[in-house]
Protein backbone atom coordinates (compact mmCIF):
# COMPACT_ATOMS: atom_id res chain seq x y z
CA UNK A 1 16.93 1.65 9.65
CA UNK A 2 16.27 5.37 9.87
CA UNK A 3 12.76 6.59 10.62
CA UNK A 4 12.67 8.24 7.19
CA UNK A 5 12.66 4.76 5.64
CA UNK A 6 9.39 3.80 7.37
CA UNK A 7 6.17 3.84 5.40
CA UNK A 8 3.82 6.67 6.35
CA UNK A 9 0.25 5.36 6.35
CA UNK A 10 -2.71 6.83 4.46
CA UNK A 11 -2.49 5.09 1.13
CA UNK A 12 -4.81 6.48 -1.55
CA UNK A 13 -7.45 4.39 -3.30
CA UNK A 14 -5.61 4.97 -6.59
CA UNK A 15 -2.40 3.55 -5.12
CA UNK A 16 -4.28 0.48 -3.83
CA UNK A 17 -5.84 -0.08 -7.25
CA UNK A 18 -2.47 0.37 -9.02
CA UNK A 19 -0.76 -2.12 -6.73
CA UNK A 20 -3.62 -4.54 -7.30
CA UNK A 21 -3.36 -4.24 -11.10
CA UNK A 22 0.41 -4.81 -11.17
CA UNK A 23 0.12 -7.83 -8.86
CA UNK A 24 -2.69 -9.30 -10.97
CA UNK A 25 -0.68 -8.92 -14.21
CA UNK A 26 2.09 -11.01 -12.67
CA UNK A 27 -0.44 -13.59 -11.49
CA UNK A 28 -2.24 -13.68 -14.84
CA UNK A 29 0.94 -14.48 -16.69
CA UNK A 30 1.96 -17.13 -14.19
CA UNK A 31 -1.44 -18.88 -14.16
CA UNK A 32 -1.69 -18.72 -17.95
CA UNK A 33 1.70 -20.40 -18.39
CA UNK A 34 0.98 -23.11 -15.81
CA UNK A 35 -2.49 -23.78 -17.29
CA UNK A 36 -1.05 -23.94 -20.81
CA UNK A 37 1.54 -26.53 -19.74
CA UNK A 38 -1.22 -28.70 -18.22
CA UNK A 39 -4.15 -28.20 -20.65
CA UNK A 40 -2.62 -27.18 -24.02
CA UNK A 41 -5.95 -25.53 -24.93
CA UNK A 42 -5.71 -21.76 -25.24
CA UNK A 43 -9.51 -21.20 -24.96
CA UNK A 44 -9.81 -23.10 -21.67
CA UNK A 45 -6.59 -21.57 -20.37
CA UNK A 46 -7.80 -18.05 -21.19
CA UNK A 47 -11.24 -18.60 -19.59
CA UNK A 48 -9.74 -20.05 -16.39
CA UNK A 49 -7.19 -17.25 -16.18
CA UNK A 50 -9.69 -14.42 -16.72
CA UNK A 51 -12.30 -15.69 -14.25
CA UNK A 52 -9.75 -16.49 -11.57
CA UNK A 53 -7.97 -13.15 -11.79
CA UNK A 54 -11.04 -10.93 -11.97
CA UNK A 55 -12.18 -12.49 -8.69
CA UNK A 56 -8.71 -12.19 -7.13
CA UNK A 57 -8.31 -8.58 -8.34
CA UNK A 58 -11.50 -7.47 -6.60
CA UNK A 59 -10.77 -9.43 -3.42
CA UNK A 60 -7.24 -8.02 -3.20
CA UNK A 61 -8.51 -4.43 -3.36
CA UNK A 62 -10.95 -4.96 -0.50
CA UNK A 63 -8.32 -6.89 1.46
CA UNK A 64 -5.99 -3.87 1.19
CA UNK A 65 -8.71 -1.43 2.23
CA UNK A 66 -9.64 -3.52 5.29
CA UNK A 67 -5.99 -3.72 6.34
CA UNK A 68 -5.73 0.06 5.88
CA UNK A 69 -8.27 0.41 8.71
CA UNK A 70 -6.31 -1.90 11.04
CA UNK A 71 -3.77 0.12 13.02
CA UNK A 72 -1.89 -2.87 14.47
CA UNK A 73 1.78 -2.80 13.50
CA UNK A 74 1.72 0.76 12.15
CA UNK A 75 3.89 3.46 13.70
CA UNK A 76 2.16 6.82 14.01
CA UNK A 77 3.77 9.89 12.57
CA UNK A 78 5.50 11.79 15.41
CA UNK A 79 3.40 14.91 14.77
CA UNK A 80 0.03 13.18 14.32
CA UNK A 81 -1.14 14.09 17.82
CA UNK A 82 -0.57 17.81 17.41
CA UNK A 83 -3.75 19.85 17.20
CA UNK A 84 -2.82 23.01 15.31
CA UNK A 85 -5.56 25.62 15.09
CA UNK A 86 -3.50 28.68 14.25
CA UNK A 87 -0.44 29.68 12.28
CA UNK A 88 2.76 28.24 13.71
CA UNK A 89 5.05 30.62 15.50
CA UNK A 90 8.82 30.48 14.97
CA UNK A 91 9.04 28.84 18.42
CA UNK A 92 6.50 26.17 17.40
CA UNK A 93 8.51 25.46 14.25
CA UNK A 94 11.72 25.18 16.27
CA UNK A 95 10.12 22.67 18.66
CA UNK A 96 8.76 20.60 15.76
CA UNK A 97 12.12 20.63 14.00
CA UNK A 98 13.91 19.52 17.19
CA UNK A 99 11.44 16.68 17.69
CA UNK A 100 11.81 15.50 14.10
CA UNK A 101 15.62 15.68 14.36
CA UNK A 102 15.58 13.74 17.65
CA UNK A 103 13.43 11.02 16.05
CA UNK A 104 15.70 10.84 12.98
CA UNK A 105 13.19 12.07 10.40
CA UNK A 106 15.36 15.04 9.36
CA UNK A 107 19.03 15.96 9.76
């Protein structure tokens, strides 16, 4: 796997919420079908499904945000340690490009 295929961290809150919504829609449909097969009562099935998934939706969001603060298993970007306080010189850009090429991020 090339380094360009690795996920770069710093996921936005909107992305976390979007992922949570999509995952919950899948879960809602699955729980609704399973509950319907067992109970055959659409009111009970709907109530169970809504309560369960509202709770899971909220918990999943916070679970994602906590994991976003845990750095274990995450590879840092190769330039994350650079402290740039001025405009880059052509020499700086050449060094950065060489480092990125060496690490496989660019060709």
